[in-house]
Amino acid sequence: MAGLLQAFNAALIRKPMVTQCATSAVLFGAGDIVAQQVFEKKGRDHDFMRTARLSFYGGAIFGPILTKWLQFLERLKFSSPTKAVVYRVYLDQGVFTPMVVGMFFGSLTLLEGKTIRDAKERIQDAYVPTLLRNWGVFIPTQVINFALVPPHLRFVTVGVVSLFWNAYLSSVNAKKQLEAAAETKEVPVDEEYVVVGAASDEKKAAVL
């Protein structure tokens, strides 16, 4: 176990992008598994495509962006360690996080094969409550992260906390997906009713 951790630590230093993207893919996928099996109690009805989408998002979209973002924050220089923590947390949670929350719901909606309009609606519905809950979790997490954790391990710290956060995000996204699907099913019924009603009116007019 110690050897595995040493190898992982060495990989983070030698190849940070590849290692962190792979880690992100695993953690996002694991978060969705927790969401489906622990929170949603799906059992054998597990949605593997949903888990695959989350893993793809974590490894191909979120992982590279977060890696570059943390590297950018580390390059910023401040006059004191306290200022460094304050400003990095502020930038991370005040600038980066609001964009990432919207990116998550937008990307997952498009990966489900939905339209840009659908993505906008899902972001509008889920954005504010998700962002507020994110701040409650990640502001204290990032204070500890930037104050105490070595730079090359900060991604891992975020990832470990995100395992449970991703489970929450996955559940929220799935809930919005089901709500959107229910609304979509209702539309054809209304349209059919309108068409039938219109046809009946035309027949009545013809008889008269």
C-alpha atoms as a PDB file:
ATOM      1  CA  MET A   1       0.000   0.000   0.000  1.00  0.00           C
ATOM      2  CA  ALA A   2       2.808   2.386   0.902  1.00  0.00           C
ATOM      3  CA  GLY A   3       4.539   1.573  -2.369  1.00  0.00           C
ATOM      4  CA  LEU A   4       1.352   2.306  -4.319  1.00  0.00           C
ATOM      5  CA  LEU A   5       0.982   5.687  -2.630  1.00  0.00           C
ATOM      6  CA  GLN A   6       4.622   6.508  -3.344  1.00  0.00           C
ATOM      7  CA  ALA A   7       4.161   5.581  -7.007  1.00  0.00           C
ATOM      8  CA  PHE A   8       1.020   7.724  -7.202  1.00  0.00           C
ATOM      9  CA  ASN A   9       2.801  10.655  -5.552  1.00  0.00           C
ATOM     10  CA  ALA A  10       5.697  10.305  -8.001  1.00  0.00           C
ATOM     11  CA  ALA A  11       3.271  10.204 -10.954  1.00  0.00           C
ATOM     12  CA  LEU A  12       1.612  13.404  -9.726  1.00  0.00           C
ATOM     13  CA  ILE A  13       4.981  15.138  -9.845  1.00  0.00           C
ATOM     14  CA  ARG A  14       6.252  13.636 -13.134  1.00  0.00           C
ATOM     15  CA  LYS A  15       3.025  13.668 -15.156  1.00  0.00           C
ATOM     16  CA  PRO A  16       0.502  15.842 -13.325  1.00  0.00           C
ATOM     17  CA  MET A  17      -1.947  16.283 -16.192  1.00  0.00           C
ATOM     18  CA  VAL A  18      -2.321  12.617 -17.110  1.00  0.00           C
ATOM     19  CA  THR A  19      -2.396  11.443 -13.490  1.00  0.00           C
ATOM     20  CA  GLN A  20      -4.889  14.047 -12.336  1.00  0.00           C
ATOM     21  CA  CYS A  21      -7.198  13.509 -15.316  1.00  0.00           C
ATOM     22  CA  ALA A  22      -7.219   9.757 -14.677  1.00  0.00           C
ATOM     23  CA  THR A  23      -7.865  10.400 -10.985  1.00  0.00           C
ATOM     24  CA  SER A  24     -10.711  12.758 -11.828  1.00  0.00           C
ATOM     25  CA  ALA A  25     -12.314  10.214 -14.161  1.00  0.00           C
ATOM     26  CA  VAL A  26     -12.196   7.529 -11.459  1.00  0.00           C
ATOM     27  CA  LEU A  27     -13.558   9.847  -8.744  1.00  0.00           C
ATOM     28  CA  PHE A  28     -16.425  11.176 -10.863  1.00  0.00           C
ATOM     29  CA  GLY A  29     -17.371   7.640 -11.852  1.00  0.00           C
ATOM     30  CA  ALA A  30     -17.134   6.475  -8.246  1.00  0.00           C
ATOM     31  CA  GLY A  31     -19.253   9.430  -7.135  1.00  0.00           C
ATOM     32  CA  ASP A  32     -21.990   8.422  -9.553  1.00  0.00           C
ATOM     33  CA  ILE A  33     -21.848   4.814  -8.340  1.00  0.00           C
ATOM     34  CA  VAL A  34     -22.294   6.060  -4.770  1.00  0.00           C
ATOM     35  CA  ALA A  35     -25.178   8.263  -5.919  1.00  0.00           C
ATOM     36  CA  GLN A  36     -26.985   5.439  -7.704  1.00  0.00           C
ATOM     37  CA  GLN A  37     -26.356   2.653  -5.226  1.00  0.00           C
ATOM     38  CA  VAL A  38     -26.356   4.455  -1.868  1.00  0.00           C
ATOM     39  CA  PHE A  39     -28.657   7.432  -2.378  1.00  0.00           C
ATOM     40  CA  GLU A  40     -30.966   6.281  -5.172  1.00  0.00           C
ATOM     41  CA  LYS A  41     -30.962   2.555  -4.253  1.00  0.00           C
ATOM     42  CA  LYS A  42     -30.913   1.430  -7.890  1.00  0.00           C
ATOM     43  CA  GLY A  43     -29.292  -1.937  -7.321  1.00  0.00           C
ATOM     44  CA  ARG A  44     -29.294  -3.986 -10.534  1.00  0.00           C
ATOM     45  CA  ASP A  45     -30.970  -1.122 -12.411  1.00  0.00           C
ATOM     46  CA  HIS A  46     -27.697   0.805 -12.347  1.00  0.00           C
ATOM     47  CA  ASP A  47     -27.390   3.232 -15.278  1.00  0.00           C
ATOM     48  CA  PHE A  48     -23.929   2.426 -16.622  1.00  0.00           C
ATOM     49  CA  MET A  49     -24.146   5.001 -19.405  1.00  0.00           C
ATOM     50  CA  ARG A  50     -24.715   7.682 -16.795  1.00  0.00           C
ATOM     51  CA  THR A  51     -21.610   6.522 -14.909  1.00  0.00           C
ATOM     52  CA  ALA A  52     -19.654   6.534 -18.182  1.00  0.00           C
ATOM     53  CA  ARG A  53     -20.772  10.099 -18.922  1.00  0.00           C
ATOM     54  CA  LEU A  54     -19.673  11.245 -15.478  1.00  0.00           C
ATOM     55  CA  SER A  55     -16.300   9.523 -15.845  1.00  0.00           C
ATOM     56  CA  PHE A  56     -15.793  11.084 -19.272  1.00  0.00           C
ATOM     57  CA  TYR A  57     -16.682  14.515 -17.935  1.00  0.00           C
ATOM     58  CA  GLY A  58     -14.274  14.119 -15.017  1.00  0.00           C
ATOM     59  CA  GLY A  59     -11.356  12.866 -17.094  1.00  0.00           C
ATOM     60  CA  ALA A  60     -11.744  14.788 -20.347  1.00  0.00           C
ATOM     61  CA  ILE A  61     -13.327  18.094 -19.288  1.00  0.00           C
ATOM     62  CA  PHE A  62     -13.067  18.833 -15.577  1.00  0.00           C
ATOM     63  CA  GLY A  63      -9.677  17.186 -14.916  1.00  0.00           C
ATOM     64  CA  PRO A  64      -7.626  19.201 -17.432  1.00  0.00           C
ATOM     65  CA  ILE A  65      -9.323  22.473 -16.485  1.00  0.00           C
ATOM     66  CA  LEU A  66      -8.826  21.991 -12.741  1.00  0.00           C
ATOM     67  CA  THR A  67      -5.197  20.939 -13.244  1.00  0.00           C
ATOM     68  CA  LYS A  68      -4.398  24.102 -15.199  1.00  0.00           C
ATOM     69  CA  TRP A  69      -6.361  26.244 -12.752  1.00  0.00           C
ATOM     70  CA  LEU A  70      -4.473  24.972  -9.704  1.00  0.00           C
ATOM     71  CA  GLN A  71      -1.178  25.465 -11.535  1.00  0.00           C
ATOM     72  CA  PHE A  72      -2.212  29.050 -12.311  1.00  0.00           C
ATOM     73  CA  LEU A  73      -3.113  29.737  -8.676  1.00  0.00           C
ATOM     74  CA  GLU A  74       0.222  28.312  -7.531  1.00  0.00           C
ATOM     75  CA  ARG A  75       2.140  30.683  -9.841  1.00  0.00           C
ATOM     76  CA  LEU A  76       0.528  33.724  -8.216  1.00  0.00           C
ATOM     77  CA  LYS A  77       2.832  35.350  -5.662  1.00  0.00           C
ATOM     78  CA  PHE A  78       1.672  37.128  -2.520  1.00  0.00           C
ATOM     79  CA  SER A  79       3.394  39.091   0.220  1.00  0.00           C
ATOM     80  CA  SER A  80       2.378  36.684   2.999  1.00  0.00           C
ATOM     81  CA  PRO A  81       1.071  33.116   3.383  1.00  0.00           C
ATOM     82  CA  THR A  82      -2.179  34.425   4.848  1.00  0.00           C
ATOM     83  CA  LYS A  83      -2.834  36.648   1.844  1.00  0.00           C
ATOM     84  CA  ALA A  84      -1.991  33.750  -0.454  1.00  0.00           C
ATOM     85  CA  VAL A  85      -4.654  31.568   1.156  1.00  0.00           C
ATOM     86  CA  VAL A  86      -7.293  34.319   1.221  1.00  0.00           C
ATOM     87  CA  TYR A  87      -6.819  35.391  -2.392  1.00  0.00           C
ATOM     88  CA  ARG A  88      -6.526  31.861  -3.771  1.00  0.00           C
ATOM     89  CA  VAL A  89      -9.703  30.762  -2.013  1.00  0.00           C
ATOM     90  CA  TYR A  90     -11.444  33.912  -3.203  1.00  0.00           C
ATOM     91  CA  LEU A  91     -10.393  33.338  -6.826  1.00  0.00           C
ATOM     92  CA  ASP A  92     -11.184  29.640  -6.650  1.00  0.00           C
ATOM     93  CA  GLN A  93     -14.647  29.996  -5.157  1.00  0.00           C
ATOM     94  CA  GLY A  94     -15.586  33.428  -6.503  1.00  0.00           C
ATOM     95  CA  VAL A  95     -14.364  33.101 -10.093  1.00  0.00           C
ATOM     96  CA  PHE A  96     -13.649  29.472 -10.971  1.00  0.00           C
ATOM     97  CA  THR A  97     -16.452  27.646  -9.163  1.00  0.00           C
ATOM     98  CA  PRO A  98     -19.385  29.691 -10.569  1.00  0.00           C
ATOM     99  CA  MET A  99     -18.182  28.835 -14.079  1.00  0.00           C
ATOM    100  CA  VAL A 100     -17.583  25.154 -13.284  1.00  0.00           C
ATOM    101  CA  VAL A 101     -21.038  24.604 -11.779  1.00  0.00           C
ATOM    102  CA  GLY A 102     -22.673  25.875 -14.953  1.00  0.00           C
ATOM    103  CA  MET A 103     -20.227  23.885 -17.069  1.00  0.00           C
ATOM    104  CA  PHE A 104     -21.127  20.680 -15.224  1.00  0.00           C
ATOM    105  CA  PHE A 105     -24.875  20.834 -15.841  1.00  0.00           C
ATOM    106  CA  GLY A 106     -24.436  22.158 -19.383  1.00  0.00           C
ATOM    107  CA  SER A 107     -21.888  19.507 -20.377  1.00  0.00           C
ATOM    108  CA  LEU A 108     -23.842  16.602 -18.886  1.00  0.00           C
ATOM    109  CA  THR A 109     -27.041  17.714 -20.608  1.00  0.00           C
ATOM    110  CA  LEU A 110     -25.291  17.837 -23.988  1.00  0.00           C
ATOM    111  CA  LEU A 111     -23.614  14.462 -23.355  1.00  0.00           C
ATOM    112  CA  GLU A 112     -27.108  13.042 -22.803  1.00  0.00           C
ATOM    113  CA  GLY A 113     -27.936  14.095 -26.360  1.00  0.00           C
ATOM    114  CA  LYS A 114     -30.100  17.051 -25.370  1.00  0.00           C
ATOM    115  CA  THR A 115     -30.136  20.499 -26.961  1.00  0.00           C
ATOM    116  CA  ILE A 116     -28.472  23.738 -25.902  1.00  0.00           C
ATOM    117  CA  ARG A 117     -31.897  24.983 -24.861  1.00  0.00           C
ATOM    118  CA  ASP A 118     -32.274  21.986 -22.558  1.00  0.00           C
ATOM    119  CA  ALA A 119     -28.831  22.717 -21.100  1.00  0.00           C
ATOM    120  CA  LYS A 120     -29.806  26.323 -20.388  1.00  0.00           C
ATOM    121  CA  GLU A 121     -33.001  25.217 -18.644  1.00  0.00           C
ATOM    122  CA  ARG A 122     -31.174  22.695 -16.467  1.00  0.00           C
ATOM    123  CA  ILE A 123     -28.554  25.274 -15.497  1.00  0.00           C
ATOM    124  CA  GLN A 124     -31.286  27.766 -14.651  1.00  0.00           C
ATOM    125  CA  ASP A 125     -33.068  25.254 -12.410  1.00  0.00           C
ATOM    126  CA  ALA A 126     -30.059  23.795 -10.566  1.00  0.00           C
ATOM    127  CA  TYR A 127     -27.389  26.501 -10.619  1.00  0.00           C
ATOM    128  CA  VAL A 128     -28.091  28.654  -7.562  1.00  0.00           C
ATOM    129  CA  PRO A 129     -28.829  25.928  -4.954  1.00  0.00           C
ATOM    130  CA  THR A 130     -25.863  23.876  -6.179  1.00  0.00           C
ATOM    131  CA  LEU A 131     -23.503  26.856  -6.035  1.00  0.00           C
ATOM    132  CA  LEU A 132     -24.590  27.747  -2.497  1.00  0.00           C
ATOM    133  CA  ARG A 133     -24.104  24.191  -1.273  1.00  0.00           C
ATOM    134  CA  ASN A 134     -20.740  24.062  -3.038  1.00  0.00           C
ATOM    135  CA  TRP A 135     -19.538  27.098  -1.108  1.00  0.00           C
ATOM    136  CA  GLY A 136     -20.603  25.459   2.134  1.00  0.00           C
ATOM    137  CA  VAL A 137     -18.425  22.434   1.339  1.00  0.00           C
ATOM    138  CA  PHE A 138     -15.473  23.791  -0.597  1.00  0.00           C
ATOM    139  CA  ILE A 139     -14.678  27.141   1.014  1.00  0.00           C
ATOM    140  CA  PRO A 140     -13.471  25.444   4.225  1.00  0.00           C
ATOM    141  CA  THR A 141     -11.940  22.620   2.144  1.00  0.00           C
ATOM    142  CA  GLN A 142      -9.909  25.037   0.049  1.00  0.00           C
ATOM    143  CA  VAL A 143      -8.805  27.072   3.056  1.00  0.00           C
ATOM    144  CA  ILE A 144      -7.219  23.912   4.466  1.00  0.00           C
ATOM    145  CA  ASN A 145      -6.000  22.845   1.030  1.00  0.00           C
ATOM    146  CA  PHE A 146      -4.159  26.075   0.195  1.00  0.00           C
ATOM    147  CA  ALA A 147      -2.874  26.546   3.732  1.00  0.00           C
ATOM    148  CA  LEU A 148      -1.567  23.073   4.571  1.00  0.00           C
ATOM    149  CA  VAL A 149      -1.411  20.759   1.551  1.00  0.00           C
ATOM    150  CA  PRO A 150       1.626  20.623  -0.805  1.00  0.00           C
ATOM    151  CA  PRO A 151       0.792  21.986  -4.299  1.00  0.00           C
ATOM    152  CA  HIS A 152       1.062  18.650  -6.125  1.00  0.00           C
ATOM    153  CA  LEU A 153      -1.449  17.044  -3.717  1.00  0.00           C
ATOM    154  CA  ARG A 154      -4.095  19.778  -3.810  1.00  0.00           C
ATOM    155  CA  PHE A 155      -5.882  18.162  -6.744  1.00  0.00           C
ATOM    156  CA  VAL A 156      -6.114  14.934  -4.729  1.00  0.00           C
ATOM    157  CA  THR A 157      -7.569  16.781  -1.732  1.00  0.00           C
ATOM    158  CA  VAL A 158     -10.254  18.296  -3.931  1.00  0.00           C
ATOM    159  CA  GLY A 159     -10.814  14.883  -5.490  1.00  0.00           C
ATOM    160  CA  VAL A 160     -11.349  13.057  -2.213  1.00  0.00           C
ATOM    161  CA  VAL A 161     -13.883  15.616  -0.989  1.00  0.00           C
ATOM    162  CA  SER A 162     -15.426  15.613  -4.458  1.00  0.00           C
ATOM    163  CA  LEU A 163     -16.129  11.880  -4.244  1.00  0.00           C
ATOM    164  CA  PHE A 164     -19.115  12.678  -2.053  1.00  0.00           C
ATOM    165  CA  TRP A 165     -19.793  16.023  -3.702  1.00  0.00           C
ATOM    166  CA  ASN A 166     -19.908  14.313  -7.113  1.00  0.00           C
ATOM    167  CA  ALA A 167     -22.429  11.850  -5.718  1.00  0.00           C
ATOM    168  CA  TYR A 168     -24.605  14.819  -4.782  1.00  0.00           C
ATOM    169  CA  LEU A 169     -24.101  16.480  -8.183  1.00  0.00           C
ATOM    170  CA  SER A 170     -24.913  13.273 -10.003  1.00  0.00           C
ATOM    171  CA  SER A 171     -28.131  12.868  -8.032  1.00  0.00           C
ATOM    172  CA  VAL A 172     -29.166  16.466  -8.721  1.00  0.00           C
ATOM    173  CA  ASN A 173     -28.397  16.107 -12.429  1.00  0.00           C
ATOM    174  CA  ALA A 174     -30.322  12.819 -12.624  1.00  0.00           C
ATOM    175  CA  LYS A 175     -33.306  14.409 -10.879  1.00  0.00           C
ATOM    176  CA  LYS A 176     -33.340  17.285 -13.359  1.00  0.00           C
ATOM    177  CA  GLN A 177     -33.009  14.786 -16.214  1.00  0.00           C
ATOM    178  CA  LEU A 178     -36.063  12.865 -15.001  1.00  0.00           C
ATOM    179  CA  GLU A 179     -38.059  16.074 -14.569  1.00  0.00           C
ATOM    180  CA  ALA A 180     -37.164  17.141 -18.112  1.00  0.00           C
ATOM    181  CA  ALA A 181     -38.138  13.713 -19.476  1.00  0.00           C
ATOM    182  CA  ALA A 182     -41.499  13.882 -17.682  1.00  0.00           C
ATOM    183  CA  GLU A 183     -42.193  17.305 -19.146  1.00  0.00           C
ATOM    184  CA  THR A 184     -41.259  16.072 -22.625  1.00  0.00           C
ATOM    185  CA  LYS A 185     -43.708  13.165 -22.371  1.00  0.00           C
ATOM    186  CA  GLU A 186     -46.521  15.511 -21.481  1.00  0.00           C
ATOM    187  CA  VAL A 187     -46.108  17.676 -24.580  1.00  0.00           C
ATOM    188  CA  PRO A 188     -47.201  15.132 -27.236  1.00  0.00           C
ATOM    189  CA  VAL A 189     -50.372  14.390 -25.251  1.00  0.00           C
ATOM    190  CA  ASP A 190     -51.353  18.053 -25.275  1.00  0.00           C
ATOM    191  CA  GLU A 191     -50.527  18.372 -28.963  1.00  0.00           C
ATOM    192  CA  GLU A 192     -52.600  15.284 -29.793  1.00  0.00           C
ATOM    193  CA  TYR A 193     -55.494  16.706 -27.842  1.00  0.00           C
ATOM    194  CA  VAL A 194     -55.274  19.979 -29.726  1.00  0.00           C
ATOM    195  CA  VAL A 195     -55.085  18.239 -33.101  1.00  0.00           C
ATOM    196  CA  VAL A 196     -58.012  15.940 -32.353  1.00  0.00           C
ATOM    197  CA  GLY A 197     -60.027  18.843 -31.023  1.00  0.00           C
ATOM    198  CA  ALA A 198     -59.288  20.888 -34.092  1.00  0.00           C
ATOM    199  CA  ALA A 199     -60.276  17.997 -36.353  1.00  0.00           C
ATOM    200  CA  SER A 200     -63.554  17.598 -34.486  1.00  0.00           C
ATOM    201  CA  ASP A 201     -64.302  21.275 -34.889  1.00  0.00           C
ATOM    202  CA  GLU A 202     -63.620  21.031 -38.625  1.00  0.00           C
ATOM    203  CA  LYS A 203     -65.997  18.048 -38.928  1.00  0.00           C
ATOM    204  CA  LYS A 204     -68.675  19.945 -37.061  1.00  0.00           C
ATOM    205  CA  ALA A 205     -68.205  22.899 -39.369  1.00  0.00           C
ATOM    206  CA  ALA A 206     -68.482  20.617 -42.408  1.00  0.00           C
ATOM    207  CA  VAL A 207     -71.721  19.097 -41.135  1.00  0.00           C
ATOM    208  CA  LEU A 208     -73.223  22.492 -40.533  1.00  0.00           C
END
